[in-house]
Amino acid sequence: MKLVILDRDGVINVDSAKFIKSPSEWKPIPGSLEAIARLNHMGYRVVIASNQSGVGRGLFDMGTLNAITEKMYRALAHVGGRIDALFYCPHAADSNCDCRKPKPGMLIDIGQRFNVDLTGVPSVGDALRDLQAAATVGAQPILVLTGKGKQTKAAGDLPANTLVFEDLAEAVRHITAES
């Protein structure tokens, strides 16, 4: 099975330091939806793994998170794309859960759900915690320079085998060129 794991905020949509708290605040990064559609058309299953601590912090509820997700799904369908599964951690940053990245729990769950070894599976994020979670499970960490990506790259200390691309569209061109 060909699988790609994506973070959401800063990779697919424009991120905000104040969180994406409503469907009206969710705006796709130019080219990201078409990049996901390209993955779909090339036979990849696309899964989102996203920390959503705004739920745990009380900034928005599950109904709002579902409405934001539905907006994303509709926008993807409009360009011929889809998400095969969505995994998220709703816990606040100070919780001691195993699912919040950089811990690997969410990615381990993805591997189990799809019955796939995550070794080498492309995992795209814009934050160090995304890359660390990917590296822990043996996935291929890919940093995009959208969202927090430029700051993440500038801070350094990336996992040794991290690939870096301008945005999701460029990362997907690389991923699909190898298949």
Protein backbone atom coordinates (compact mmCIF):
# COMPACT_ATOMS: atom_id res chain seq x y z
CA MET A 1 0.00 0.00 0.00
CA LYS A 2 1.25 3.46 -0.88
CA LEU A 3 0.58 5.80 2.04
CA VAL A 4 1.41 9.44 2.82
CA ILE A 5 0.89 11.08 6.21
CA LEU A 6 0.25 14.84 6.34
CA ASP A 7 0.03 17.33 9.14
CA ARG A 8 -2.88 19.76 8.58
CA ASP A 9 -2.19 23.32 9.79
CA GLY A 10 0.77 24.83 7.98
CA VAL A 11 0.94 21.99 5.43
CA ILE A 12 -2.53 21.84 3.86
CA ASN A 13 -3.96 25.10 5.16
CA VAL A 14 -2.64 28.44 6.33
CA ASP A 15 -1.71 28.23 10.01
CA SER A 16 -2.43 30.77 12.73
CA ALA A 17 -0.69 31.40 16.05
CA LYS A 18 -4.22 31.89 17.41
CA PHE A 19 -5.38 28.48 16.07
CA ILE A 20 -7.85 27.72 13.30
CA LYS A 21 -11.05 27.99 15.35
CA SER A 22 -13.80 28.11 12.72
CA PRO A 23 -14.49 27.00 9.16
CA SER A 24 -14.17 30.62 7.99
CA GLU A 25 -10.56 30.69 9.28
CA TRP A 26 -9.61 27.55 7.31
CA LYS A 27 -7.86 28.61 4.07
CA PRO A 28 -5.92 26.18 1.87
CA ILE A 29 -2.31 26.92 1.00
CA PRO A 30 -2.19 27.48 -2.77
CA GLY A 31 -1.49 24.19 -4.53
CA SER A 32 -1.96 21.97 -1.47
CA LEU A 33 -5.37 20.57 -2.41
CA GLU A 34 -4.23 19.80 -5.95
CA ALA A 35 -1.14 18.09 -4.50
CA ILE A 36 -3.36 15.81 -2.40
CA ALA A 37 -5.50 15.05 -5.47
CA ARG A 38 -2.30 14.13 -7.34
CA LEU A 39 -1.39 11.68 -4.58
CA ASN A 40 -4.88 10.16 -4.78
CA HIS A 41 -4.69 9.80 -8.56
CA MET A 42 -1.26 8.15 -8.24
CA GLY A 43 -2.73 5.48 -5.95
CA TYR A 44 -1.66 6.85 -2.57
CA ARG A 45 -3.79 6.68 0.55
CA VAL A 46 -3.60 10.09 2.25
CA VAL A 47 -3.93 10.30 6.02
CA ILE A 48 -3.86 13.38 8.23
CA ALA A 49 -2.17 13.27 11.65
CA SER A 50 -2.83 16.56 13.43
CA ASN A 51 -2.44 17.95 16.93
CA GLN A 52 -5.66 19.87 17.67
CA SER A 53 -5.02 21.19 21.17
CA GLY A 54 -7.58 23.96 20.61
CA VAL A 55 -10.19 21.35 21.59
CA GLY A 56 -8.41 20.56 24.87
CA ARG A 57 -7.89 24.26 25.55
CA GLY A 58 -11.59 24.97 25.07
CA LEU A 59 -11.01 27.28 22.08
CA PHE A 60 -13.44 25.23 19.95
CA ASP A 61 -15.46 22.07 20.35
CA MET A 62 -15.66 18.83 18.40
CA GLY A 63 -18.59 20.12 16.35
CA THR A 64 -16.45 23.03 15.16
CA LEU A 65 -13.51 20.74 14.42
CA ASN A 66 -15.87 18.54 12.39
CA ALA A 67 -17.18 21.59 10.49
CA ILE A 68 -13.61 22.68 9.67
CA THR A 69 -12.85 19.15 8.49
CA GLU A 70 -15.99 19.09 6.34
CA LYS A 71 -14.95 22.35 4.67
CA MET A 72 -11.56 20.81 3.88
CA TYR A 73 -13.18 17.64 2.50
CA ARG A 74 -15.52 19.67 0.25
CA ALA A 75 -12.64 21.80 -1.04
CA LEU A 76 -10.64 18.64 -1.79
CA ALA A 77 -13.56 16.98 -3.57
CA HIS A 78 -13.88 20.09 -5.75
CA VAL A 79 -10.37 19.42 -7.16
CA GLY A 80 -10.76 15.62 -7.28
CA GLY A 81 -9.00 14.82 -4.00
CA ARG A 82 -9.85 13.07 -0.76
CA ILE A 83 -8.46 12.20 2.65
CA ASP A 84 -8.62 8.50 3.47
CA ALA A 85 -8.45 8.95 7.25
CA LEU A 86 -8.04 11.70 9.79
CA PHE A 87 -6.27 11.16 13.10
CA TYR A 88 -6.00 13.96 15.61
CA CYS A 89 -4.94 14.58 19.18
CA PRO A 90 -7.46 16.81 20.97
CA HIS A 91 -5.37 17.12 24.14
CA ALA A 92 -3.76 20.31 25.40
CA ALA A 93 0.01 20.62 25.11
CA ASP A 94 0.51 20.04 28.84
CA SER A 95 -1.38 16.73 28.88
CA ASN A 96 0.55 13.52 29.20
CA CYS A 97 -1.11 11.63 26.35
CA ASP A 98 0.70 9.32 23.94
CA CYS A 99 -1.02 10.66 20.82
CA ARG A 100 0.28 14.24 20.79
CA LYS A 101 3.21 14.71 18.42
CA PRO A 102 6.21 14.53 18.92
CA LYS A 103 5.13 11.30 20.65
CA PRO A 104 4.51 8.60 18.05
CA GLY A 105 1.13 7.30 19.26
CA MET A 106 -0.94 8.82 16.46
CA LEU A 107 1.40 7.46 13.79
CA ILE A 108 1.52 4.04 15.43
CA ASP A 109 -2.30 4.03 15.32
CA ILE A 110 -2.18 4.87 11.60
CA GLY A 111 0.19 1.97 10.93
CA GLN A 112 -2.08 -0.40 12.83
CA ARG A 113 -5.28 0.88 11.19
CA PHE A 114 -3.86 0.43 7.70
CA ASN A 115 -1.84 -2.68 8.63
CA VAL A 116 1.31 -1.15 7.18
CA ASP A 117 4.90 -0.86 8.32
CA LEU A 118 5.60 2.89 8.41
CA THR A 119 9.29 2.47 7.53
CA GLY A 120 10.00 4.92 4.74
CA VAL A 121 6.40 6.20 4.52
CA PRO A 122 6.49 9.92 3.64
CA SER A 123 5.31 12.03 6.59
CA VAL A 124 4.99 15.73 5.82
CA GLY A 125 4.97 18.46 8.47
CA ASP A 126 6.01 22.02 9.16
CA ALA A 127 7.05 21.65 12.81
CA LEU A 128 9.87 19.78 14.51
CA ARG A 129 7.34 17.68 16.45
CA ASP A 130 5.92 16.34 13.14
CA LEU A 131 9.39 15.30 11.99
CA GLN A 132 10.32 13.77 15.35
CA ALA A 133 7.16 11.63 15.43
CA ALA A 134 7.88 10.46 11.88
CA ALA A 135 11.50 9.62 12.65
CA THR A 136 10.52 7.68 15.79
CA VAL A 137 8.37 5.24 13.76
CA GLY A 138 10.86 5.01 10.88
CA ALA A 139 8.78 7.09 8.47
CA GLN A 140 10.47 9.52 6.06
CA PRO A 141 10.29 12.97 7.69
CA ILE A 142 9.57 15.71 5.15
CA LEU A 143 9.65 19.38 6.14
CA VAL A 144 7.71 21.93 4.11
CA LEU A 145 8.66 25.59 4.45
CA THR A 146 5.05 26.76 4.71
CA GLY A 147 3.43 27.37 8.09
CA LYS A 148 6.15 27.14 10.75
CA GLY A 149 8.51 25.38 8.32
CA LYS A 150 10.98 28.22 7.76
CA GLN A 151 11.36 28.74 11.51
CA THR A 152 11.69 24.99 12.03
CA LYS A 153 14.47 24.77 9.44
CA ALA A 154 16.25 27.84 10.85
CA ALA A 155 16.17 26.38 14.38
CA GLY A 156 17.97 23.27 13.13
CA ASP A 157 18.17 19.97 15.01
CA LEU A 158 16.11 18.18 12.34
CA PRO A 159 16.12 14.38 12.23
CA ALA A 160 19.11 13.23 10.14
CA ASN A 161 17.22 12.01 7.08
CA THR A 162 14.73 14.91 6.80
CA LEU A 163 13.92 16.07 3.29
CA VAL A 164 13.04 19.76 2.83
CA PHE A 165 10.69 21.21 0.20
CA GLU A 166 9.19 24.63 -0.43
CA ASP A 167 5.59 23.44 -0.03
CA LEU A 168 3.33 20.38 -0.22
CA ALA A 169 3.10 20.59 -4.02
CA GLU A 170 6.90 20.32 -4.34
CA ALA A 171 7.04 17.50 -1.78
CA VAL A 172 4.35 15.59 -3.68
CA ARG A 173 6.23 15.99 -6.97
CA HIS A 174 9.21 14.34 -5.26
CA ILE A 175 7.12 11.58 -3.66
CA THR A 176 5.28 10.70 -6.88
CA ALA A 177 8.47 10.83 -8.97
CA GLU A 178 9.80 7.93 -6.90
CA SER A 179 6.77 5.68 -7.48
